[in-house]
Amino acid sequence: MVTELSSQLFLITAAGYYSRSVTVADLNGDGKPDLIVTSQCNNSSNCDLGSVGVLLGNGDGTFQSASSYFNRRPKRLSAAAADVNGDGKWT
């Protein structure tokens, strides 16, 4: 969930705990920016698993609720996105 705190500041929640980075990319090819949020822990009491949250953009500066993907390694600190085959698409 993305909550507007002021006209220029937003709070991203439901994408894991102890979030470490936010990466912007068009992940689903719809021309709208999406967010990748890496988190050290998957919940507030369990840091055995790290998580990566994906928030798809609505195109108006807001985002859908996060889809979280857990991994077996905690403390994910960053994520990167790139057009690795050079076709102009991120997907």
PDB file of N, CA and C in Angstrom:
ATOM      1  N   MET A   1       0.840  -1.160   0.000  1.00  0.00           N
ATOM      2  CA  MET A   1       0.000   0.000   0.000  1.00  0.00           C
ATOM      3  C   MET A   1       0.893   1.234   0.000  1.00  0.00           C
ATOM      4  N   VAL A   2       0.492   2.250  -0.753  1.00  0.00           N
ATOM      5  CA  VAL A   2       1.218   3.509  -0.787  1.00  0.00           C
ATOM      6  C   VAL A   2       0.318   4.571  -0.190  1.00  0.00           C
ATOM      7  N   THR A   3       0.792   5.257   0.839  1.00  0.00           N
ATOM      8  CA  THR A   3       0.017   6.269   1.532  1.00  0.00           C
ATOM      9  C   THR A   3       0.637   7.635   1.285  1.00  0.00           C
ATOM     10  N   GLU A   4      -0.158   8.606   0.847  1.00  0.00           N
ATOM     11  CA  GLU A   4       0.355   9.946   0.624  1.00  0.00           C
ATOM     12  C   GLU A   4       0.472  10.675   1.951  1.00  0.00           C
ATOM     13  N   LEU A   5       1.676  11.155   2.265  1.00  0.00           N
ATOM     14  CA  LEU A   5       1.907  11.901   3.497  1.00  0.00           C
ATOM     15  C   LEU A   5       1.884  13.398   3.248  1.00  0.00           C
ATOM     16  N   SER A   6       2.225  13.819   2.071  1.00  0.00           N
ATOM     17  CA  SER A   6       2.145  15.215   1.639  1.00  0.00           C
ATOM     18  C   SER A   6       2.073  15.179   0.130  1.00  0.00           C
ATOM     19  N   SER A   7       2.118  16.327  -0.511  1.00  0.00           N
ATOM     20  CA  SER A   7       2.008  16.325  -1.966  1.00  0.00           C
ATOM     21  C   SER A   7       3.239  15.735  -2.647  1.00  0.00           C
ATOM     22  N   GLN A   8       4.367  15.577  -1.920  1.00  0.00           N
ATOM     23  CA  GLN A   8       5.570  15.055  -2.540  1.00  0.00           C
ATOM     24  C   GLN A   8       6.199  13.895  -1.780  1.00  0.00           C
ATOM     25  N   LEU A   9       5.609  13.443  -0.682  1.00  0.00           N
ATOM     26  CA  LEU A   9       6.194  12.390   0.133  1.00  0.00           C
ATOM     27  C   LEU A   9       5.206  11.246   0.280  1.00  0.00           C
ATOM     28  N   PHE A  10       5.672  10.039   0.039  1.00  0.00           N
ATOM     29  CA  PHE A  10       4.803   8.875   0.125  1.00  0.00           C
ATOM     30  C   PHE A  10       5.422   7.826   1.032  1.00  0.00           C
ATOM     31  N   LEU A  11       4.590   7.039   1.667  1.00  0.00           N
ATOM     32  CA  LEU A  11       5.022   5.955   2.527  1.00  0.00           C
ATOM     33  C   LEU A  11       4.649   4.635   1.865  1.00  0.00           C
ATOM     34  N   ILE A  12       5.625   3.783   1.651  1.00  0.00           N
ATOM     35  CA  ILE A  12       5.387   2.477   1.038  1.00  0.00           C
ATOM     36  C   ILE A  12       5.340   1.449   2.150  1.00  0.00           C
ATOM     37  N   THR A  13       4.234   0.709   2.239  1.00  0.00           N
ATOM     38  CA  THR A  13       4.094  -0.328   3.253  1.00  0.00           C
ATOM     39  C   THR A  13       3.712  -1.641   2.580  1.00  0.00           C
ATOM     40  N   ALA A  14       3.690  -2.691   3.326  1.00  0.00           N
ATOM     41  CA  ALA A  14       3.296  -4.025   2.858  1.00  0.00           C
ATOM     42  C   ALA A  14       4.256  -4.562   1.812  1.00  0.00           C
ATOM     43  N   ALA A  15       5.513  -4.159   1.879  1.00  0.00           N
ATOM     44  CA  ALA A  15       6.511  -4.687   0.952  1.00  0.00           C
ATOM     45  C   ALA A  15       7.666  -5.302   1.718  1.00  0.00           C
ATOM     46  N   GLY A  16       7.436  -5.700   2.955  1.00  0.00           N
ATOM     47  CA  GLY A  16       8.484  -6.264   3.794  1.00  0.00           C
ATOM     48  C   GLY A  16       8.839  -5.306   4.923  1.00  0.00           C
ATOM     49  N   TYR A  17       9.748  -5.731   5.774  1.00  0.00           N
ATOM     50  CA  TYR A  17      10.174  -4.921   6.915  1.00  0.00           C
ATOM     51  C   TYR A  17      11.648  -4.587   6.769  1.00  0.00           C
ATOM     52  N   TYR A  18      12.013  -3.438   7.286  1.00  0.00           N
ATOM     53  CA  TYR A  18      13.385  -2.948   7.190  1.00  0.00           C
ATOM     54  C   TYR A  18      13.789  -2.827   5.722  1.00  0.00           C
ATOM     55  N   SER A  19      12.952  -2.129   4.965  1.00  0.00           N
ATOM     56  CA  SER A  19      13.223  -1.933   3.537  1.00  0.00           C
ATOM     57  C   SER A  19      14.531  -1.191   3.352  1.00  0.00           C
ATOM     58  N   ARG A  20      15.273  -1.599   2.335  1.00  0.00           N
ATOM     59  CA  ARG A  20      16.608  -1.061   2.115  1.00  0.00           C
ATOM     60  C   ARG A  20      16.738  -0.262   0.832  1.00  0.00           C
ATOM     61  N   SER A  21      15.985  -0.582  -0.199  1.00  0.00           N
ATOM     62  CA  SER A  21      16.122   0.170  -1.444  1.00  0.00           C
ATOM     63  C   SER A  21      14.837   0.107  -2.249  1.00  0.00           C
ATOM     64  N   VAL A  22      14.700   1.086  -3.133  1.00  0.00           N
ATOM     65  CA  VAL A  22      13.584   1.135  -4.076  1.00  0.00           C
ATOM     66  C   VAL A  22      14.184   1.340  -5.467  1.00  0.00           C
ATOM     67  N   THR A  23      13.783   0.497  -6.409  1.00  0.00           N
ATOM     68  CA  THR A  23      14.221   0.597  -7.791  1.00  0.00           C
ATOM     69  C   THR A  23      12.990   0.826  -8.652  1.00  0.00           C
ATOM     70  N   VAL A  24      13.097   1.705  -9.637  1.00  0.00           N
ATOM     71  CA  VAL A  24      11.976   2.024 -10.521  1.00  0.00           C
ATOM     72  C   VAL A  24      12.256   1.448 -11.902  1.00  0.00           C
ATOM     73  N   ALA A  25      11.293   0.721 -12.454  1.00  0.00           N
ATOM     74  CA  ALA A  25      11.393   0.147 -13.801  1.00  0.00           C
ATOM     75  C   ALA A  25       9.994  -0.235 -14.267  1.00  0.00           C
ATOM     76  N   ASP A  26       9.797  -0.297 -15.572  1.00  0.00           N
ATOM     77  CA  ASP A  26       8.532  -0.789 -16.124  1.00  0.00           C
ATOM     78  C   ASP A  26       8.641  -2.300 -16.240  1.00  0.00           C
ATOM     79  N   LEU A  27       8.211  -3.001 -15.205  1.00  0.00           N
ATOM     80  CA  LEU A  27       8.409  -4.450 -15.130  1.00  0.00           C
ATOM     81  C   LEU A  27       7.444  -5.261 -15.977  1.00  0.00           C
ATOM     82  N   ASN A  28       6.258  -4.739 -16.219  1.00  0.00           N
ATOM     83  CA  ASN A  28       5.263  -5.524 -16.954  1.00  0.00           C
ATOM     84  C   ASN A  28       5.001  -4.998 -18.369  1.00  0.00           C
ATOM     85  N   GLY A  29       5.817  -4.043 -18.836  1.00  0.00           N
ATOM     86  CA  GLY A  29       5.730  -3.585 -20.217  1.00  0.00           C
ATOM     87  C   GLY A  29       4.522  -2.748 -20.562  1.00  0.00           C
ATOM     88  N   ASP A  30       3.856  -2.153 -19.562  1.00  0.00           N
ATOM     89  CA  ASP A  30       2.664  -1.346 -19.844  1.00  0.00           C
ATOM     90  C   ASP A  30       2.970   0.144 -19.987  1.00  0.00           C
ATOM     91  N   GLY A  31       4.253   0.522 -19.923  1.00  0.00           N
ATOM     92  CA  GLY A  31       4.633   1.921 -20.067  1.00  0.00           C
ATOM     93  C   GLY A  31       4.513   2.741 -18.794  1.00  0.00           C
ATOM     94  N   LYS A  32       4.155   2.107 -17.687  1.00  0.00           N
ATOM     95  CA  LYS A  32       3.998   2.788 -16.400  1.00  0.00           C
ATOM     96  C   LYS A  32       5.121   2.357 -15.463  1.00  0.00           C
ATOM     97  N   PRO A  33       5.723   3.299 -14.722  1.00  0.00           N
ATOM     98  CA  PRO A  33       6.791   2.915 -13.793  1.00  0.00           C
ATOM     99  C   PRO A  33       6.262   2.037 -12.661  1.00  0.00           C
ATOM    100  N   ASP A  34       7.017   0.993 -12.343  1.00  0.00           N
ATOM    101  CA  ASP A  34       6.720   0.089 -11.241  1.00  0.00           C
ATOM    102  C   ASP A  34       7.853   0.195 -10.223  1.00  0.00           C
ATOM    103  N   LEU A  35       7.634  -0.316  -9.014  1.00  0.00           N
ATOM    104  CA  LEU A  35       8.634  -0.251  -7.961  1.00  0.00           C
ATOM    105  C   LEU A  35       9.074  -1.644  -7.542  1.00  0.00           C
ATOM    106  N   ILE A  36      10.366  -1.790  -7.279  1.00  0.00           N
ATOM    107  CA  ILE A  36      10.930  -2.984  -6.667  1.00  0.00           C
ATOM    108  C   ILE A  36      11.481  -2.537  -5.321  1.00  0.00           C
ATOM    109  N   VAL A  37      10.993  -3.130  -4.227  1.00  0.00           N
ATOM    110  CA  VAL A  37      11.431  -2.757  -2.883  1.00  0.00           C
ATOM    111  C   VAL A  37      12.110  -3.964  -2.247  1.00  0.00           C
ATOM    112  N   THR A  38      13.377  -3.824  -1.890  1.00  0.00           N
ATOM    113  CA  THR A  38      14.084  -4.918  -1.214  1.00  0.00           C
ATOM    114  C   THR A  38      13.991  -4.710   0.285  1.00  0.00           C
ATOM    115  N   SER A  39      13.785  -5.783   1.010  1.00  0.00           N
ATOM    116  CA  SER A  39      13.626  -5.713   2.464  1.00  0.00           C
ATOM    117  C   SER A  39      14.518  -6.736   3.145  1.00  0.00           C
ATOM    118  N   GLN A  40      15.035  -6.344   4.272  1.00  0.00           N
ATOM    119  CA  GLN A  40      15.911  -7.214   5.048  1.00  0.00           C
ATOM    120  C   GLN A  40      15.154  -8.394   5.632  1.00  0.00           C
ATOM    121  N   CYS A  41      13.887  -8.191   6.006  1.00  0.00           N
ATOM    122  CA  CYS A  41      13.089  -9.224   6.673  1.00  0.00           C
ATOM    123  C   CYS A  41      11.735  -9.349   5.986  1.00  0.00           C
ATOM    124  N   ASN A  42      11.140 -10.533   6.063  1.00  0.00           N
ATOM    125  CA  ASN A  42       9.812 -10.693   5.472  1.00  0.00           C
ATOM    126  C   ASN A  42       8.695 -10.288   6.418  1.00  0.00           C
ATOM    127  N   ASN A  43       8.981 -10.189   7.724  1.00  0.00           N
ATOM    128  CA  ASN A  43       8.020  -9.628   8.677  1.00  0.00           C
ATOM    129  C   ASN A  43       8.790  -9.082   9.875  1.00  0.00           C
ATOM    130  N   SER A  44       8.104  -8.444  10.783  1.00  0.00           N
ATOM    131  CA  SER A  44       8.782  -7.728  11.867  1.00  0.00           C
ATOM    132  C   SER A  44       9.450  -8.635  12.887  1.00  0.00           C
ATOM    133  N   SER A  45       9.081  -9.908  12.937  1.00  0.00           N
ATOM    134  CA  SER A  45       9.675 -10.798  13.939  1.00  0.00           C
ATOM    135  C   SER A  45      10.530 -11.909  13.340  1.00  0.00           C
ATOM    136  N   ASN A  46      10.645 -11.955  12.010  1.00  0.00           N
ATOM    137  CA  ASN A  46      11.399 -13.036  11.374  1.00  0.00           C
ATOM    138  C   ASN A  46      12.315 -12.476  10.308  1.00  0.00           C
ATOM    139  N   CYS A  47      13.602 -12.492  10.589  1.00  0.00           N
ATOM    140  CA  CYS A  47      14.588 -12.062   9.601  1.00  0.00           C
ATOM    141  C   CYS A  47      15.318 -13.246   8.995  1.00  0.00           C
ATOM    142  N   ASP A  48      14.744 -14.439   9.100  1.00  0.00           N
ATOM    143  CA  ASP A  48      15.347 -15.609   8.472  1.00  0.00           C
ATOM    144  C   ASP A  48      15.213 -15.549   6.952  1.00  0.00           C
ATOM    145  N   LEU A  49      14.197 -14.853   6.469  1.00  0.00           N
ATOM    146  CA  LEU A  49      13.967 -14.713   5.036  1.00  0.00           C
ATOM    147  C   LEU A  49      13.934 -13.238   4.664  1.00  0.00           C
ATOM    148  N   GLY A  50      14.642 -12.871   3.627  1.00  0.00           N
ATOM    149  CA  GLY A  50      14.516 -11.532   3.072  1.00  0.00           C
ATOM    150  C   GLY A  50      13.353 -11.517   2.095  1.00  0.00           C
ATOM    151  N   SER A  51      13.009 -10.355   1.566  1.00  0.00           N
ATOM    152  CA  SER A  51      11.925 -10.303   0.595  1.00  0.00           C
ATOM    153  C   SER A  51      12.168  -9.206  -0.428  1.00  0.00           C
ATOM    154  N   VAL A  52      11.519  -9.387  -1.563  1.00  0.00           N
ATOM    155  CA  VAL A  52      11.496  -8.385  -2.619  1.00  0.00           C
ATOM    156  C   VAL A  52      10.030  -8.126  -2.908  1.00  0.00           C
ATOM    157  N   GLY A  53       9.615  -6.878  -2.794  1.00  0.00           N
ATOM    158  CA  GLY A  53       8.233  -6.499  -3.069  1.00  0.00           C
ATOM    159  C   GLY A  53       8.143  -5.797  -4.408  1.00  0.00           C
ATOM    160  N   VAL A  54       7.123  -6.130  -5.203  1.00  0.00           N
ATOM    161  CA  VAL A  54       6.886  -5.486  -6.489  1.00  0.00           C
ATOM    162  C   VAL A  54       5.546  -4.775  -6.411  1.00  0.00           C
ATOM    163  N   LEU A  55       5.567  -3.465  -6.690  1.00  0.00           N
ATOM    164  CA  LEU A  55       4.351  -2.662  -6.710  1.00  0.00           C
ATOM    165  C   LEU A  55       4.154  -2.160  -8.121  1.00  0.00           C
ATOM    166  N   LEU A  56       3.127  -2.635  -8.796  1.00  0.00           N
ATOM    167  CA  LEU A  56       2.857  -2.216 -10.168  1.00  0.00           C
ATOM    168  C   LEU A  56       2.236  -0.834 -10.170  1.00  0.00           C
ATOM    169  N   GLY A  57       2.704   0.002 -11.095  1.00  0.00           N
ATOM    170  CA  GLY A  57       2.220   1.376 -11.179  1.00  0.00           C
ATOM    171  C   GLY A  57       0.873   1.484 -11.856  1.00  0.00           C
ATOM    172  N   ASN A  58       0.071   2.454 -11.390  1.00  0.00           N
ATOM    173  CA  ASN A  58      -1.240   2.723 -11.983  1.00  0.00           C
ATOM    174  C   ASN A  58      -1.167   3.784 -13.075  1.00  0.00           C
ATOM    175  N   GLY A  59      -0.010   4.443 -13.208  1.00  0.00           N
ATOM    176  CA  GLY A  59       0.160   5.463 -14.234  1.00  0.00           C
ATOM    177  C   GLY A  59      -0.199   6.867 -13.790  1.00  0.00           C
ATOM    178  N   ASP A  60      -0.682   7.000 -12.550  1.00  0.00           N
ATOM    179  CA  ASP A  60      -1.066   8.323 -12.047  1.00  0.00           C
ATOM    180  C   ASP A  60      -0.267   8.695 -10.800  1.00  0.00           C
ATOM    181  N   GLY A  61       0.869   8.020 -10.589  1.00  0.00           N
ATOM    182  CA  GLY A  61       1.700   8.285  -9.412  1.00  0.00           C
ATOM    183  C   GLY A  61       1.356   7.419  -8.219  1.00  0.00           C
ATOM    184  N   THR A  62       0.353   6.554  -8.352  1.00  0.00           N
ATOM    185  CA  THR A  62       0.011   5.621  -7.280  1.00  0.00           C
ATOM    186  C   THR A  62       0.366   4.214  -7.736  1.00  0.00           C
ATOM    187  N   PHE A  63       0.381   3.282  -6.772  1.00  0.00           N
ATOM    188  CA  PHE A  63       0.796   1.917  -7.058  1.00  0.00           C
ATOM    189  C   PHE A  63      -0.171   0.922  -6.440  1.00  0.00           C
ATOM    190  N   GLN A  64      -0.253  -0.260  -7.033  1.00  0.00           N
ATOM    191  CA  GLN A  64      -1.080  -1.326  -6.495  1.00  0.00           C
ATOM    192  C   GLN A  64      -0.399  -1.916  -5.263  1.00  0.00           C
ATOM    193  N   SER A  65      -1.120  -2.711  -4.525  1.00  0.00           N
ATOM    194  CA  SER A  65      -0.547  -3.384  -3.358  1.00  0.00           C
ATOM    195  C   SER A  65       0.622  -4.263  -3.782  1.00  0.00           C
ATOM    196  N   ALA A  66       1.559  -4.426  -2.877  1.00  0.00           N
ATOM    197  CA  ALA A  66       2.783  -5.165  -3.184  1.00  0.00           C
ATOM    198  C   ALA A  66       2.527  -6.662  -3.314  1.00  0.00           C
ATOM    199  N   SER A  67       3.212  -7.261  -4.270  1.00  0.00           N
ATOM    200  CA  SER A  67       3.351  -8.718  -4.342  1.00  0.00           C
ATOM    201  C   SER A  67       4.737  -9.008  -3.796  1.00  0.00           C
ATOM    202  N   SER A  68       4.822  -9.819  -2.751  1.00  0.00           N
ATOM    203  CA  SER A  68       6.105 -10.089  -2.117  1.00  0.00           C
ATOM    204  C   SER A  68       6.638 -11.449  -2.515  1.00  0.00           C
ATOM    205  N   TYR A  69       7.938 -11.486  -2.738  1.00  0.00           N
ATOM    206  CA  TYR A  69       8.636 -12.709  -3.097  1.00  0.00           C
ATOM    207  C   TYR A  69       9.713 -12.922  -2.046  1.00  0.00           C
ATOM    208  N   PHE A  70       9.682 -14.065  -1.395  1.00  0.00           N
ATOM    209  CA  PHE A  70      10.609 -14.349  -0.310  1.00  0.00           C
ATOM    210  C   PHE A  70      11.767 -15.180  -0.843  1.00  0.00           C
ATOM    211  N   ASN A  71      12.905 -15.017  -0.214  1.00  0.00           N
ATOM    212  CA  ASN A  71      14.061 -15.810  -0.579  1.00  0.00           C
ATOM    213  C   ASN A  71      14.682 -16.384   0.682  1.00  0.00           C
ATOM    214  N   ARG A  72      15.572 -17.276   0.528  1.00  0.00           N
ATOM    215  CA  ARG A  72      16.161 -17.969   1.665  1.00  0.00           C
ATOM    216  C   ARG A  72      17.310 -17.204   2.302  1.00  0.00           C
ATOM    217  N   ARG A  73      17.624 -16.057   1.779  1.00  0.00           N
ATOM    218  CA  ARG A  73      18.718 -15.278   2.333  1.00  0.00           C
ATOM    219  C   ARG A  73      18.200 -13.937   2.840  1.00  0.00           C
ATOM    220  N   PRO A  74      18.471 -13.606   4.087  1.00  0.00           N
ATOM    221  CA  PRO A  74      18.026 -12.330   4.634  1.00  0.00           C
ATOM    222  C   PRO A  74      18.902 -11.183   4.140  1.00  0.00           C
ATOM    223  N   LYS A  75      18.489 -10.004   4.462  1.00  0.00           N
ATOM    224  CA  LYS A  75      19.275  -8.786   4.272  1.00  0.00           C
ATOM    225  C   LYS A  75      19.558  -8.460   2.817  1.00  0.00           C
ATOM    226  N   ARG A  76      18.528  -8.530   1.985  1.00  0.00           N
ATOM    227  CA  ARG A  76      18.652  -8.038   0.626  1.00  0.00           C
ATOM    228  C   ARG A  76      18.764  -6.523   0.716  1.00  0.00           C
ATOM    229  N   LEU A  77      19.835  -5.966   0.160  1.00  0.00           N
ATOM    230  CA  LEU A  77      20.075  -4.540   0.341  1.00  0.00           C
ATOM    231  C   LEU A  77      19.741  -3.710  -0.878  1.00  0.00           C
ATOM    232  N   SER A  78      19.717  -4.306  -2.060  1.00  0.00           N
ATOM    233  CA  SER A  78      19.407  -3.516  -3.243  1.00  0.00           C
ATOM    234  C   SER A  78      18.918  -4.413  -4.368  1.00  0.00           C
ATOM    235  N   ALA A  79      18.352  -3.766  -5.373  1.00  0.00           N
ATOM    236  CA  ALA A  79      17.899  -4.463  -6.577  1.00  0.00           C
ATOM    237  C   ALA A  79      18.257  -3.589  -7.766  1.00  0.00           C
ATOM    238  N   ALA A  80      18.385  -4.195  -8.906  1.00  0.00           N
ATOM    239  CA  ALA A  80      18.677  -3.466 -10.138  1.00  0.00           C
ATOM    240  C   ALA A  80      17.774  -3.990 -11.239  1.00  0.00           C
ATOM    241  N   ALA A  81      17.481  -3.136 -12.202  1.00  0.00           N
ATOM    242  CA  ALA A  81      16.684  -3.537 -13.357  1.00  0.00           C
ATOM    243  C   ALA A  81      17.393  -2.998 -14.601  1.00  0.00           C
ATOM    244  N   ALA A  82      17.393  -3.781 -15.664  1.00  0.00           N
ATOM    245  CA  ALA A  82      18.073  -3.362 -16.891  1.00  0.00           C
ATOM    246  C   ALA A  82      17.438  -4.030 -18.100  1.00  0.00           C
ATOM    247  N   ASP A  83      17.560  -3.382 -19.233  1.00  0.00           N
ATOM    248  CA  ASP A  83      17.166  -3.952 -20.515  1.00  0.00           C
ATOM    249  C   ASP A  83      18.363  -4.747 -21.024  1.00  0.00           C
ATOM    250  N   VAL A  84      18.466  -6.004 -20.618  1.00  0.00           N
ATOM    251  CA  VAL A  84      19.684  -6.775 -20.869  1.00  0.00           C
ATOM    252  C   VAL A  84      19.863  -7.197 -22.326  1.00  0.00           C
ATOM    253  N   ASN A  85      18.811  -7.258 -23.120  1.00  0.00           N
ATOM    254  CA  ASN A  85      18.975  -7.642 -24.520  1.00  0.00           C
ATOM    255  C   ASN A  85      18.866  -6.456 -25.476  1.00  0.00           C
ATOM    256  N   GLY A  86      18.691  -5.238 -24.942  1.00  0.00           N
ATOM    257  CA  GLY A  86      18.715  -4.034 -25.757  1.00  0.00           C
ATOM    258  C   GLY A  86      17.530  -3.837 -26.679  1.00  0.00           C
ATOM    259  N   ASP A  87      16.381  -4.440 -26.369  1.00  0.00           N
ATOM    260  CA  ASP A  87      15.219  -4.297 -27.234  1.00  0.00           C
ATOM    261  C   ASP A  87      14.303  -3.143 -26.830  1.00  0.00           C
ATOM    262  N   GLY A  88      14.728  -2.355 -25.827  1.00  0.00           N
ATOM    263  CA  GLY A  88      13.920  -1.208 -25.386  1.00  0.00           C
ATOM    264  C   GLY A  88      12.840  -1.577 -24.396  1.00  0.00           C
ATOM    265  N   LYS A  89      12.806  -2.837 -23.975  1.00  0.00           N
ATOM    266  CA  LYS A  89      11.809  -3.311 -23.021  1.00  0.00           C
ATOM    267  C   LYS A  89      12.524  -3.813 -21.767  1.00  0.00           C
ATOM    268  N   TRP A  90      11.846  -3.700 -20.623  1.00  0.00           N
ATOM    269  CA  TRP A  90      12.398  -4.175 -19.353  1.00  0.00           C
ATOM    270  C   TRP A  90      11.971  -5.597 -19.056  1.00  0.00           C
ATOM    271  N   THR A  91      11.064  -6.143 -19.856  1.00  0.00           N
ATOM    272  CA  THR A  91      10.550  -7.487 -19.600  1.00  0.00           C
ATOM    273  C   THR A  91      10.963  -8.446 -20.680  1.00  0.00           C
TER     274      THR A  91
END
